[in-house]
Amino acid sequence: MNLKNTIRISALMLVFISMISCTEDEGLTTVNLAEPSNIDASISMTQDNSGEVTFTPTGQNANEFFMNFGDGSELSDTIASGGSFTHTYAEGNYDVEVFALNFAKEMSQATKPLVVSFNPPENLDITVENDGVISNTVNVTAEADFATTFEVDFGEDGVDSVVSGDIGSTVSYTYQNPGFYDIVVTVAGAAAQTTTYVEENFAVTEILEPTVSAPEPTQPSQAVISIYSDSYDPITVNEFPTEWSDTDFEEIQLEGNNTVKYSNLAFTGIVTDYGNATDLSNMDYVHFDYWTPDAASLGFKMVNTTTDPAQEDIANIGTPIQGEWVSVDIPLNDYNMDRSNVTQLLFDALGNRATVYIDNLYFYKEIPQQPTVAAPAPSHDAANVISIYSDAYTSITVTELPTSWSGSSYEEVSVSGNSAMLFTNFDFLGIVTDYGNPTDLTGMTHVHFDYWTPNAASIGLKLVNTALDPVQEDLESVGDVSLGQWVSVDILLSDFNMDKSQVTQLIFDNLVAGDADDTVYIDNFYFYN
């Protein structure tokens, strides 16, 4: 038996033993987690020619780690996330394997090359450059033979300006002020001797305007009231800016994205619609992205002019971060006012003057990411139902759920004790009833299902009859999608323009071209009359 097979068997035995120890504890609660991913390990070596190496593993959804040190020694013990391994090597090249386990004892693995040499690092390749996007920020990348780590002293007096990284990686530092600095890079390996590179009088540059667009918003459009953003359809805005604003105003484009530039900003106003005030009572946050080279303060004010006297309140974002795009999300509960009839929105420099770029100004409702209650219990008589998936009925034979050609991840989950289907990265998902015994739906009048989604913009259902040549199929949409709640859907089968006497495939579709990252729960999927 070769070493690789021995490692795999030993790893499985560790997982098996852990699983036995868990199942014997009846008090444990089942935890559903994704498999560990992005497995890595930081490496540090003692610089004394001893060959002692310390590994600190990391990974998403990882609870425990163990290692194959790659030198023929035994597998390591298992440690909890956040711990480290120490191992002593002879000089040589090694492939080190890091194994990660989640709470459910699912395992993932990553391999890292390791060079242990008692020669000092040589053939240094050091890159020092201004970031180009974030003001006063310098990036340093280091490559070298016989090296594992490097340390950069960025040379700014009065502050801690030392940053470390693994060889081959890039480290960054943002200076308080532009200017000329001596940057010292120290490269280390297993040898007692290090190698140093010095970049003298490096010019750190200040960026006075953004060179890239603001981050793209991620809130689903159904949960948004947009004022200004290329990502959403805005509501009516009658004045932008108002004539009483104290600022210079310009709309510019950054990477093809429309952006507002306020110059010499004291304050600026936006009027939505005095005749049709904006109701924000169901929204949870206001969001905007700003970029500024010089603002010392910035606030956002909302005004309700429909009350007498008018009601208003302002939120201060704190000290602005200069020279990069910053996303701001302010809880609307911070505004002590009636938000049911908002007519004016203002950016205020709070007694200063500044240049400020603004994008993606919108209000949004926070949507829960998973249901906390089960779908509504069906009420149709079981005698009049052909069930595909439901705890309430006895379902017919389903030979594939999901199909191998589905474009989504699938999991059956429990919601308040009731089974439900969970589609993640939802593009489309197929179900095959039985190719050898197609389902006759001619006696049914409707198809029913309940859905719950935090982010899907559209959902459709396709019926397919593969018994005919050519195949017949049709697709129907649920219409406007509601977020964060169970929604019951009933579609007339007469809307499906096809032969429904031999249906074999049922396909849920997000109706969006290309890949998607939607999440959808489905329950009580059945046909009835």
Protein backbone atom coordinates (compact mmCIF):
# COMPACT_ATOMS: atom_id res chain seq x y z
CA MET A 1 0.00 0.00 0.00
CA ASN A 2 1.50 3.36 -0.99
CA LEU A 3 1.79 6.41 1.27
CA LYS A 4 -1.04 8.31 -0.39
CA ASN A 5 -3.53 5.50 0.17
CA THR A 6 -2.34 5.13 3.77
CA ILE A 7 -3.02 8.82 4.35
CA ARG A 8 -6.50 8.62 2.84
CA ILE A 9 -7.43 5.59 4.96
CA SER A 10 -6.01 7.17 8.12
CA ALA A 11 -7.93 10.38 7.40
CA LEU A 12 -11.17 8.47 6.95
CA MET A 13 -10.55 6.59 10.20
CA LEU A 14 -10.15 9.92 12.02
CA VAL A 15 -13.45 11.12 10.56
CA PHE A 16 -15.18 7.80 11.39
CA ILE A 17 -13.98 7.86 15.01
CA SER A 18 -15.16 11.45 15.36
CA MET A 19 -18.56 10.56 13.91
CA ILE A 20 -18.96 7.63 16.35
CA SER A 21 -18.10 9.87 19.29
CA CYS A 22 -20.73 12.36 18.15
CA THR A 23 -23.53 9.86 17.57
CA GLU A 24 -23.01 8.39 21.01
CA ASP A 25 -23.84 11.77 22.54
CA GLU A 26 -27.61 11.90 22.31
CA GLY A 27 -27.62 15.49 23.48
CA LEU A 28 -25.94 16.81 20.32
CA THR A 29 -28.01 18.72 17.79
CA THR A 30 -27.53 18.01 14.08
CA VAL A 31 -25.79 20.91 12.34
CA ASN A 32 -26.04 21.29 8.56
CA LEU A 33 -22.94 23.03 7.16
CA ALA A 34 -21.33 23.46 3.80
CA GLU A 35 -18.16 21.49 3.17
CA PRO A 36 -14.95 23.25 4.24
CA SER A 37 -13.50 25.46 1.50
CA ASN A 38 -10.64 27.90 0.83
CA ILE A 39 -8.30 25.70 2.83
CA ASP A 40 -4.87 27.25 3.46
CA ALA A 41 -2.19 27.53 6.11
CA SER A 42 0.18 30.32 7.04
CA ILE A 43 3.77 29.16 7.45
CA SER A 44 6.52 30.49 9.70
CA MET A 45 10.02 29.11 10.21
CA THR A 46 12.49 29.60 13.01
CA GLN A 47 15.49 31.34 11.53
CA ASP A 48 18.14 29.20 13.24
CA ASN A 49 18.93 26.42 10.74
CA SER A 50 16.82 24.02 12.87
CA GLY A 51 14.15 23.32 10.23
CA GLU A 52 11.34 23.99 12.70
CA VAL A 53 8.17 25.05 10.87
CA THR A 54 4.86 26.26 12.33
CA PHE A 55 1.62 25.90 10.33
CA THR A 56 -1.60 27.76 11.20
CA PRO A 57 -4.44 26.33 9.08
CA THR A 58 -7.43 28.40 7.96
CA GLY A 59 -10.60 27.66 6.03
CA GLN A 60 -14.25 28.56 5.64
CA ASN A 61 -16.73 26.27 7.44
CA ALA A 62 -13.75 24.52 9.07
CA ASN A 63 -13.97 23.41 12.69
CA GLU A 64 -10.93 21.12 12.99
CA PHE A 65 -7.70 20.45 11.10
CA PHE A 66 -5.05 17.76 10.81
CA MET A 67 -1.99 17.53 8.56
CA ASN A 68 0.25 15.29 6.53
CA PHE A 69 3.64 16.96 6.86
CA GLY A 70 4.80 15.39 3.59
CA ASP A 71 8.07 13.92 4.89
CA GLY A 72 6.93 10.38 5.64
CA SER A 73 6.11 11.07 9.27
CA GLU A 74 2.79 10.14 10.86
CA LEU A 75 -0.33 12.23 10.42
CA SER A 76 -0.71 14.98 12.98
CA ASP A 77 -3.25 15.02 15.76
CA THR A 78 -6.46 16.99 15.18
CA ILE A 79 -6.65 20.56 16.47
CA ALA A 80 -9.45 23.09 16.69
CA SER A 81 -9.68 26.06 14.34
CA GLY A 82 -7.25 28.78 15.41
CA GLY A 83 -4.57 26.35 16.57
CA SER A 84 -1.16 25.62 15.05
CA PHE A 85 1.10 22.67 14.24
CA THR A 86 4.89 22.65 14.70
CA HIS A 87 7.10 20.17 12.85
CA THR A 88 10.86 19.86 12.27
CA TYR A 89 12.14 19.16 8.76
CA ALA A 90 15.40 18.24 7.13
CA GLU A 91 16.40 20.36 4.16
CA GLY A 92 14.30 19.54 1.10
CA ASN A 93 11.16 20.17 -0.94
CA TYR A 94 7.84 18.93 0.46
CA ASP A 95 4.15 18.80 -0.44
CA VAL A 96 2.26 19.49 2.77
CA GLU A 97 -1.40 18.45 2.97
CA VAL A 98 -3.90 20.32 5.14
CA PHE A 99 -7.16 18.50 5.98
CA ALA A 100 -10.19 20.45 7.26
CA LEU A 101 -13.34 19.09 8.93
CA ASN A 102 -16.63 20.87 9.58
CA PHE A 103 -19.05 20.13 12.42
CA ALA A 104 -20.67 17.38 10.34
CA LYS A 105 -17.19 15.82 9.85
CA GLU A 106 -17.21 16.49 6.11
CA MET A 107 -13.62 16.82 4.91
CA SER A 108 -11.75 18.97 2.41
CA GLN A 109 -8.04 19.05 1.65
CA ALA A 110 -5.44 21.42 0.20
CA THR A 111 -1.78 20.93 -0.71
CA LYS A 112 0.95 23.53 -0.11
CA PRO A 113 4.49 23.32 -1.41
CA LEU A 114 7.20 23.84 1.20
CA VAL A 115 10.91 24.48 0.68
CA VAL A 116 13.21 24.03 3.70
CA SER A 117 16.69 25.29 3.03
CA PHE A 118 19.42 26.55 5.32
CA ASN A 119 20.71 28.79 2.53
CA PRO A 120 19.77 32.46 2.96
CA PRO A 121 17.06 33.73 0.56
CA GLU A 122 18.37 34.70 -2.84
CA ASN A 123 17.19 35.86 -6.29
CA LEU A 124 14.85 38.40 -4.72
CA ASP A 125 12.12 39.80 -6.99
CA ILE A 126 10.49 42.70 -5.14
CA THR A 127 7.69 44.86 -6.59
CA VAL A 128 6.80 48.15 -4.87
CA GLU A 129 3.99 50.19 -6.42
CA ASN A 130 1.24 52.66 -5.62
CA ASP A 131 -2.16 51.05 -5.41
CA GLY A 132 -3.73 53.24 -8.11
CA VAL A 133 -7.22 52.93 -6.58
CA ILE A 134 -6.82 53.65 -2.86
CA SER A 135 -5.10 56.93 -2.06
CA ASN A 136 -1.71 56.93 -0.24
CA THR A 137 -1.60 53.14 -0.43
CA VAL A 138 1.43 51.08 -1.47
CA ASN A 139 1.47 47.38 -2.40
CA VAL A 140 4.58 45.20 -2.04
CA THR A 141 4.98 41.73 -3.58
CA ALA A 142 8.01 39.55 -2.79
CA GLU A 143 9.36 36.46 -4.57
CA ALA A 144 12.63 34.69 -3.68
CA ASP A 145 14.35 31.33 -3.61
CA PHE A 146 14.79 29.59 -0.22
CA ALA A 147 12.21 31.90 1.37
CA THR A 148 8.84 31.44 3.09
CA THR A 149 7.95 34.85 4.55
CA PHE A 150 8.79 38.51 4.21
CA GLU A 151 8.38 41.62 6.34
CA VAL A 152 7.97 45.16 5.05
CA ASP A 153 8.81 48.26 7.06
CA PHE A 154 7.01 50.99 5.14
CA GLY A 155 9.02 53.67 6.92
CA GLU A 156 6.31 55.96 8.29
CA ASP A 157 7.49 57.53 11.55
CA GLY A 158 5.37 57.59 14.68
CA VAL A 159 3.13 54.64 13.77
CA ASP A 160 3.46 50.88 13.40
CA SER A 161 4.14 50.57 9.67
CA VAL A 162 5.47 46.99 9.59
CA VAL A 163 3.42 44.37 7.68
CA SER A 164 4.26 40.68 7.10
CA GLY A 165 3.21 38.16 4.46
CA ASP A 166 3.97 34.78 2.92
CA ILE A 167 6.43 34.74 0.05
CA GLY A 168 4.62 35.25 -3.25
CA SER A 169 1.80 37.25 -1.67
CA THR A 170 1.11 41.00 -1.69
CA VAL A 171 0.91 43.18 1.41
CA SER A 172 -0.49 46.71 1.52
CA TYR A 173 -0.12 49.77 3.71
CA THR A 174 -1.96 53.11 3.68
CA TYR A 175 0.09 56.14 4.69
CA GLN A 176 -1.32 59.05 6.64
CA ASN A 177 0.21 61.47 4.16
CA PRO A 178 1.76 61.33 0.69
CA GLY A 179 5.49 61.90 0.37
CA PHE A 180 8.83 60.11 -0.02
CA TYR A 181 9.60 57.08 2.14
CA ASP A 182 12.33 54.44 2.47
CA ILE A 183 10.72 50.98 2.30
CA VAL A 184 12.70 48.01 3.69
CA VAL A 185 11.78 44.44 2.72
CA THR A 186 13.30 41.61 4.80
CA VAL A 187 12.97 38.10 3.33
CA ALA A 188 13.33 35.04 5.56
CA GLY A 189 13.39 31.26 5.31
CA ALA A 190 14.69 28.45 7.51
CA ALA A 191 18.21 29.87 7.50
CA ALA A 192 19.51 32.01 10.34
CA GLN A 193 20.48 34.64 7.79
CA THR A 194 17.86 36.87 6.13
CA THR A 195 18.13 38.93 2.94
CA THR A 196 17.14 42.59 2.76
CA TYR A 197 15.97 44.84 -0.07
CA VAL A 198 15.62 48.65 0.28
CA GLU A 199 13.49 50.91 -1.94
CA GLU A 200 14.79 54.41 -1.23
CA ASN A 201 12.73 57.62 -1.55
CA PHE A 202 9.64 55.90 -2.91
CA ALA A 203 7.03 58.48 -3.92
CA VAL A 204 3.69 57.71 -2.25
CA THR A 205 0.96 59.37 -4.30
CA GLU A 206 -2.37 60.84 -3.26
CA ILE A 207 -5.37 60.08 -5.46
CA LEU A 208 -7.69 63.09 -5.71
CA GLU A 209 -10.55 61.43 -7.59
CA PRO A 210 -11.86 57.87 -7.90
CA THR A 211 -10.51 55.77 -10.74
CA VAL A 212 -13.01 52.90 -10.38
CA SER A 213 -16.76 52.84 -9.90
CA ALA A 214 -18.49 52.27 -6.58
CA PRO A 215 -19.17 48.65 -5.49
CA GLU A 216 -22.16 47.09 -7.21
CA PRO A 217 -25.17 46.83 -4.87
CA THR A 218 -26.33 43.37 -3.81
CA GLN A 219 -29.78 44.07 -2.36
CA PRO A 220 -32.63 42.43 -4.34
CA SER A 221 -34.57 45.01 -6.33
CA GLN A 222 -37.90 44.06 -4.72
CA ALA A 223 -36.55 45.25 -1.35
CA VAL A 224 -35.25 48.61 -2.62
CA ILE A 225 -36.54 52.17 -3.04
CA SER A 226 -33.86 53.69 -5.24
CA ILE A 227 -33.04 57.39 -5.51
CA TYR A 228 -29.84 57.19 -7.59
CA SER A 229 -28.17 54.04 -8.92
CA ASP A 230 -27.55 52.39 -12.27
CA SER A 231 -28.39 49.06 -10.60
CA TYR A 232 -32.05 49.85 -9.84
CA ASP A 233 -34.99 51.69 -11.38
CA PRO A 234 -35.34 54.95 -9.40
CA ILE A 235 -38.53 56.47 -8.10
CA THR A 236 -39.62 59.90 -9.31
CA VAL A 237 -37.13 62.58 -8.28
CA ASN A 238 -38.27 66.13 -9.12
CA GLU A 239 -35.20 68.13 -8.04
CA PHE A 240 -31.64 66.78 -8.13
CA PRO A 241 -30.02 68.97 -6.92
CA THR A 242 -32.41 71.56 -5.53
CA GLU A 243 -31.94 75.20 -6.47
CA TRP A 244 -31.21 76.00 -2.82
CA SER A 245 -28.27 73.55 -2.64
CA ASP A 246 -24.91 75.04 -1.68
CA THR A 247 -22.57 73.00 -3.89
CA ASP A 248 -21.29 72.56 -7.39
CA PHE A 249 -22.92 69.55 -9.06
CA GLU A 250 -21.79 67.32 -11.90
CA GLU A 251 -22.74 63.84 -13.09
CA ILE A 252 -19.71 61.89 -14.33
CA GLN A 253 -19.04 58.34 -15.48
CA LEU A 254 -16.62 55.91 -13.84
CA GLU A 255 -16.06 52.69 -15.78
CA GLY A 256 -19.35 53.38 -17.56
CA ASN A 257 -21.23 53.88 -14.29
CA ASN A 258 -23.06 57.15 -13.57
CA THR A 259 -21.80 58.91 -10.45
CA VAL A 260 -22.58 62.25 -8.77
CA LYS A 261 -19.72 64.64 -8.01
CA TYR A 262 -20.30 67.40 -5.46
CA SER A 263 -17.55 70.04 -5.43
CA ASN A 264 -17.18 72.70 -2.73
CA LEU A 265 -20.01 70.91 -0.90
CA ALA A 266 -21.60 72.61 2.10
CA PHE A 267 -24.98 70.89 1.69
CA THR A 268 -27.07 69.63 -1.20
CA GLY A 269 -30.73 68.74 -1.44
CA ILE A 270 -32.81 66.24 -3.38
CA VAL A 271 -36.60 66.50 -3.67
CA THR A 272 -38.43 63.30 -4.47
CA ASP A 273 -41.99 64.58 -5.05
CA TYR A 274 -43.82 67.13 -2.90
CA GLY A 275 -47.12 65.96 -4.38
CA ASN A 276 -46.42 62.27 -3.80
CA ALA A 277 -44.21 61.90 -0.74
CA THR A 278 -42.06 58.78 -0.33
CA ASP A 279 -43.18 56.28 2.31
CA LEU A 280 -40.09 54.82 4.01
CA SER A 281 -41.92 53.35 7.00
CA ASN A 282 -41.35 49.77 5.78
CA MET A 283 -37.66 50.29 4.95
CA ASP A 284 -34.88 49.42 7.41
CA TYR A 285 -31.75 51.19 6.07
CA VAL A 286 -30.53 53.97 3.85
CA HIS A 287 -27.47 53.08 1.77
CA PHE A 288 -25.02 55.14 -0.22
CA ASP A 289 -21.41 54.87 -1.38
CA TYR A 290 -19.11 57.86 -1.05
CA TRP A 291 -15.58 58.73 -2.16
CA THR A 292 -13.83 61.87 -0.93
CA PRO A 293 -10.28 63.23 -1.03
CA ASP A 294 -10.81 65.82 1.71
CA ALA A 295 -14.12 65.62 3.64
CA ALA A 296 -13.69 65.97 7.41
CA SER A 297 -17.34 65.18 8.16
CA LEU A 298 -20.48 64.09 6.34
CA GLY A 299 -24.11 63.65 7.29
CA PHE A 300 -27.33 62.51 5.64
CA LYS A 301 -30.61 64.27 6.46
CA MET A 302 -34.22 63.29 5.75
CA VAL A 303 -37.11 65.78 5.84
CA ASN A 304 -40.88 65.30 5.98
CA THR A 305 -42.41 68.58 4.78
CA THR A 306 -45.98 67.27 4.85
CA THR A 307 -46.25 67.73 8.63
CA ASP A 308 -46.68 71.08 10.35
CA PRO A 309 -44.12 71.85 11.53
CA ALA A 310 -41.85 69.89 9.17
CA GLN A 311 -40.00 66.97 10.71
CA GLU A 312 -36.36 66.23 10.00
CA ASP A 313 -33.33 64.44 11.39
CA ILE A 314 -29.71 63.97 10.37
CA ALA A 315 -27.27 61.09 10.88
CA ASN A 316 -23.52 61.70 11.03
CA ILE A 317 -21.41 58.95 9.41
CA GLY A 318 -18.44 59.77 11.65
CA THR A 319 -15.00 60.68 10.33
CA PRO A 320 -15.01 59.95 6.59
CA ILE A 321 -12.41 57.60 5.14
CA GLN A 322 -10.56 59.43 2.40
CA GLY A 323 -9.28 58.15 -0.93
CA GLU A 324 -11.43 55.03 -1.42
CA TRP A 325 -15.04 54.01 -1.96
CA VAL A 326 -16.86 53.48 1.35
CA SER A 327 -20.31 51.88 1.67
CA VAL A 328 -22.62 53.37 4.30
CA ASP A 329 -25.72 51.69 5.74
CA ILE A 330 -27.60 53.77 8.32
CA PRO A 331 -30.50 52.21 10.28
CA LEU A 332 -33.61 54.29 9.63
CA ASN A 333 -34.56 53.85 13.27
CA ASP A 334 -31.74 56.31 13.96
CA TYR A 335 -33.97 59.02 12.47
CA ASN A 336 -36.38 60.35 15.11
CA MET A 337 -39.13 61.52 12.77
CA ASP A 338 -42.19 60.44 10.79
CA ARG A 339 -40.77 58.56 7.78
CA SER A 340 -44.09 57.88 6.07
CA ASN A 341 -43.98 61.05 3.90
CA VAL A 342 -40.35 61.92 3.17
CA THR A 343 -39.88 64.61 0.51
CA GLN A 344 -36.33 65.93 0.94
CA LEU A 345 -32.96 64.19 1.22
CA LEU A 346 -29.77 66.15 1.97
CA PHE A 347 -26.04 65.49 2.10
CA ASP A 348 -24.35 67.88 4.54
CA ALA A 349 -20.63 68.53 5.13
CA LEU A 350 -21.53 69.65 8.67
CA GLY A 351 -19.87 73.04 8.67
CA ASN A 352 -17.02 72.20 6.30
CA ARG A 353 -16.45 72.33 2.56
CA ALA A 354 -15.49 69.20 0.64
CA THR A 355 -15.47 67.30 -2.61
CA VAL A 356 -17.66 64.20 -2.38
CA TYR A 357 -18.61 61.60 -4.96
CA ILE A 358 -21.90 59.74 -4.35
CA ASP A 359 -23.41 56.63 -5.92
CA ASN A 360 -26.03 54.00 -5.11
CA LEU A 361 -28.31 56.07 -2.90
CA TYR A 362 -31.27 53.90 -1.96
CA PHE A 363 -33.40 52.63 0.90
CA TYR A 364 -33.90 48.94 1.54
CA LYS A 365 -35.69 46.43 3.69
CA GLU A 366 -33.57 43.81 5.38
CA ILE A 367 -34.70 40.38 4.21
CA PRO A 368 -34.20 37.29 6.41
CA GLN A 369 -32.02 34.66 4.74
CA GLN A 370 -34.08 31.60 5.65
CA PRO A 371 -37.65 30.84 6.74
CA THR A 372 -38.41 30.35 10.41
CA VAL A 373 -41.89 28.87 9.94
CA ALA A 374 -43.11 26.06 7.70
CA ALA A 375 -45.04 26.64 4.50
CA PRO A 376 -48.85 26.86 4.88
CA ALA A 377 -50.51 23.45 5.30
CA PRO A 378 -52.34 22.40 2.09
CA SER A 379 -56.10 22.18 2.25
CA HIS A 380 -56.98 20.24 -0.92
CA ASP A 381 -58.59 16.82 -0.60
CA ALA A 382 -55.96 14.11 -1.03
CA ALA A 383 -58.30 12.24 -3.37
CA ASN A 384 -57.99 15.12 -5.84
CA VAL A 385 -54.22 15.53 -5.61
CA ILE A 386 -51.18 14.16 -7.48
CA SER A 387 -48.36 15.02 -5.11
CA ILE A 388 -44.73 15.44 -6.13
CA TYR A 389 -43.32 16.74 -2.83
CA SER A 390 -45.25 17.41 0.39
CA ASP A 391 -45.42 16.08 3.93
CA ALA A 392 -49.20 16.54 3.71
CA TYR A 393 -49.77 13.95 0.95
CA THR A 394 -48.42 10.61 -0.23
CA SER A 395 -46.30 11.45 -3.25
CA ILE A 396 -46.07 9.51 -6.50
CA THR A 397 -42.86 7.82 -7.61
CA VAL A 398 -40.13 10.36 -8.38
CA THR A 399 -37.07 8.69 -9.90
CA GLU A 400 -34.77 11.73 -10.01
CA LEU A 401 -34.80 14.58 -7.49
CA PRO A 402 -32.78 16.45 -8.52
CA THR A 403 -31.67 15.36 -11.99
CA SER A 404 -27.96 15.05 -12.72
CA TRP A 405 -28.29 17.85 -15.28
CA SER A 406 -29.76 20.36 -12.84
CA GLY A 407 -28.02 23.73 -12.68
CA SER A 408 -28.49 24.24 -8.94
CA SER A 409 -27.42 22.79 -5.63
CA TYR A 410 -30.10 20.80 -3.80
CA GLU A 411 -30.70 19.91 -0.18
CA GLU A 412 -33.70 18.67 1.76
CA VAL A 413 -34.06 20.68 4.96
CA SER A 414 -36.41 20.85 7.91
CA VAL A 415 -38.31 24.07 8.58
CA SER A 416 -40.18 23.97 11.88
CA GLY A 417 -40.32 20.19 11.62
CA ASN A 418 -41.62 20.21 8.04
CA SER A 419 -39.54 18.96 5.09
CA ALA A 420 -38.76 21.43 2.32
CA MET A 421 -36.57 21.53 -0.78
CA LEU A 422 -33.72 24.07 -0.75
CA PHE A 423 -32.22 25.25 -4.05
CA THR A 424 -28.99 27.26 -3.75
CA ASN A 425 -27.08 28.93 -6.59
CA PHE A 426 -30.45 28.50 -8.23
CA ASP A 427 -30.40 28.53 -12.03
CA PHE A 428 -32.72 25.64 -12.85
CA LEU A 429 -33.54 22.35 -11.16
CA GLY A 430 -35.12 19.30 -12.77
CA ILE A 431 -37.28 16.51 -11.38
CA VAL A 432 -38.07 13.29 -13.26
CA THR A 433 -41.22 11.47 -12.24
CA ASP A 434 -40.80 8.23 -14.20
CA TYR A 435 -39.75 7.92 -17.85
CA GLY A 436 -41.18 4.40 -17.91
CA ASN A 437 -44.49 5.45 -16.40
CA PRO A 438 -45.26 9.10 -17.33
CA THR A 439 -47.64 11.10 -15.19
CA ASP A 440 -51.09 11.83 -16.65
CA LEU A 441 -52.20 15.31 -15.61
CA THR A 442 -55.22 15.58 -17.89
CA GLY A 443 -57.59 15.12 -14.95
CA MET A 444 -55.94 17.97 -12.98
CA THR A 445 -56.77 21.67 -13.27
CA HIS A 446 -53.97 23.39 -11.34
CA VAL A 447 -50.38 23.03 -10.20
CA HIS A 448 -49.57 24.29 -6.70
CA PHE A 449 -46.36 25.00 -4.82
CA ASP A 450 -45.19 27.26 -2.01
CA TYR A 451 -41.94 29.20 -2.37
CA TRP A 452 -39.77 31.25 0.00
CA THR A 453 -36.78 33.25 -1.22
CA PRO A 454 -34.54 36.01 0.15
CA ASN A 455 -33.29 37.19 -3.23
CA ALA A 456 -34.79 35.63 -6.38
CA ALA A 457 -36.16 38.13 -8.90
CA SER A 458 -38.20 35.57 -10.87
CA ILE A 459 -39.31 31.95 -10.66
CA GLY A 460 -40.89 29.75 -13.31
CA LEU A 461 -42.10 26.16 -13.66
CA LYS A 462 -41.72 24.09 -16.82
CA LEU A 463 -43.63 20.90 -17.65
CA VAL A 464 -42.05 18.51 -20.19
CA ASN A 465 -43.56 15.57 -22.09
CA THR A 466 -40.62 13.49 -23.36
CA ALA A 467 -42.86 10.63 -24.53
CA LEU A 468 -43.68 12.50 -27.73
CA ASP A 469 -41.49 13.14 -30.76
CA PRO A 470 -40.76 15.99 -30.84
CA VAL A 471 -40.78 16.63 -27.11
CA GLN A 472 -43.47 19.04 -25.89
CA GLU A 473 -42.91 21.54 -23.08
CA ASP A 474 -44.11 24.86 -21.74
CA LEU A 475 -42.99 27.29 -19.07
CA GLU A 476 -45.03 29.59 -16.82
CA SER A 477 -43.83 32.34 -14.49
CA VAL A 478 -45.14 33.01 -10.98
CA GLY A 479 -45.15 36.74 -11.79
CA ASP A 480 -43.80 39.26 -9.30
CA VAL A 481 -41.75 37.53 -6.59
CA SER A 482 -42.24 38.45 -2.93
CA LEU A 483 -39.23 38.14 -0.63
CA GLY A 484 -38.84 36.81 2.90
CA GLN A 485 -42.21 35.10 3.22
CA TRP A 486 -43.95 31.94 2.11
CA VAL A 487 -45.98 32.54 -1.06
CA SER A 488 -48.55 30.05 -2.37
CA VAL A 489 -48.69 29.69 -6.15
CA ASP A 490 -51.57 28.15 -8.11
CA ILE A 491 -51.21 28.05 -11.91
CA LEU A 492 -53.92 26.86 -14.26
CA LEU A 493 -52.71 23.81 -16.17
CA SER A 494 -54.59 25.15 -19.19
CA ASP A 495 -51.91 27.87 -19.31
CA PHE A 496 -49.38 25.19 -20.32
CA ASN A 497 -49.81 24.83 -24.09
CA MET A 498 -48.77 21.18 -24.50
CA ASP A 499 -49.91 17.56 -24.20
CA LYS A 500 -50.15 16.93 -20.47
CA SER A 501 -51.10 13.24 -20.65
CA GLN A 502 -47.51 11.96 -20.30
CA VAL A 503 -45.50 14.44 -18.26
CA THR A 504 -42.06 13.16 -17.22
CA GLN A 505 -40.02 16.22 -16.30
CA LEU A 506 -40.79 19.14 -13.96
CA ILE A 507 -38.29 22.01 -13.98
CA PHE A 508 -38.02 25.04 -11.70
CA ASP A 509 -36.23 27.92 -13.44
CA ASN A 510 -35.02 31.32 -12.29
CA LEU A 511 -35.83 32.76 -15.75
CA VAL A 512 -32.50 34.62 -15.83
CA ALA A 513 -29.87 34.08 -18.50
CA GLY A 514 -26.51 32.89 -17.19
CA ASP A 515 -25.45 31.72 -13.76
CA ALA A 516 -27.22 32.89 -10.63
CA ASP A 517 -26.74 32.79 -6.87
CA ASP A 518 -30.41 32.83 -5.87
CA THR A 519 -31.74 30.82 -2.94
CA VAL A 520 -35.23 29.31 -3.11
CA TYR A 521 -37.17 27.01 -0.77
CA ILE A 522 -40.01 24.92 -2.27
CA ASP A 523 -42.70 22.93 -0.47
CA ASN A 524 -46.12 21.40 -1.18
CA PHE A 525 -45.53 20.80 -4.87
CA TYR A 526 -48.58 19.02 -6.28
CA PHE A 527 -51.30 19.00 -8.95
CA TYR A 528 -55.00 19.11 -8.07
CA ASN A 529 -58.52 19.49 -9.40
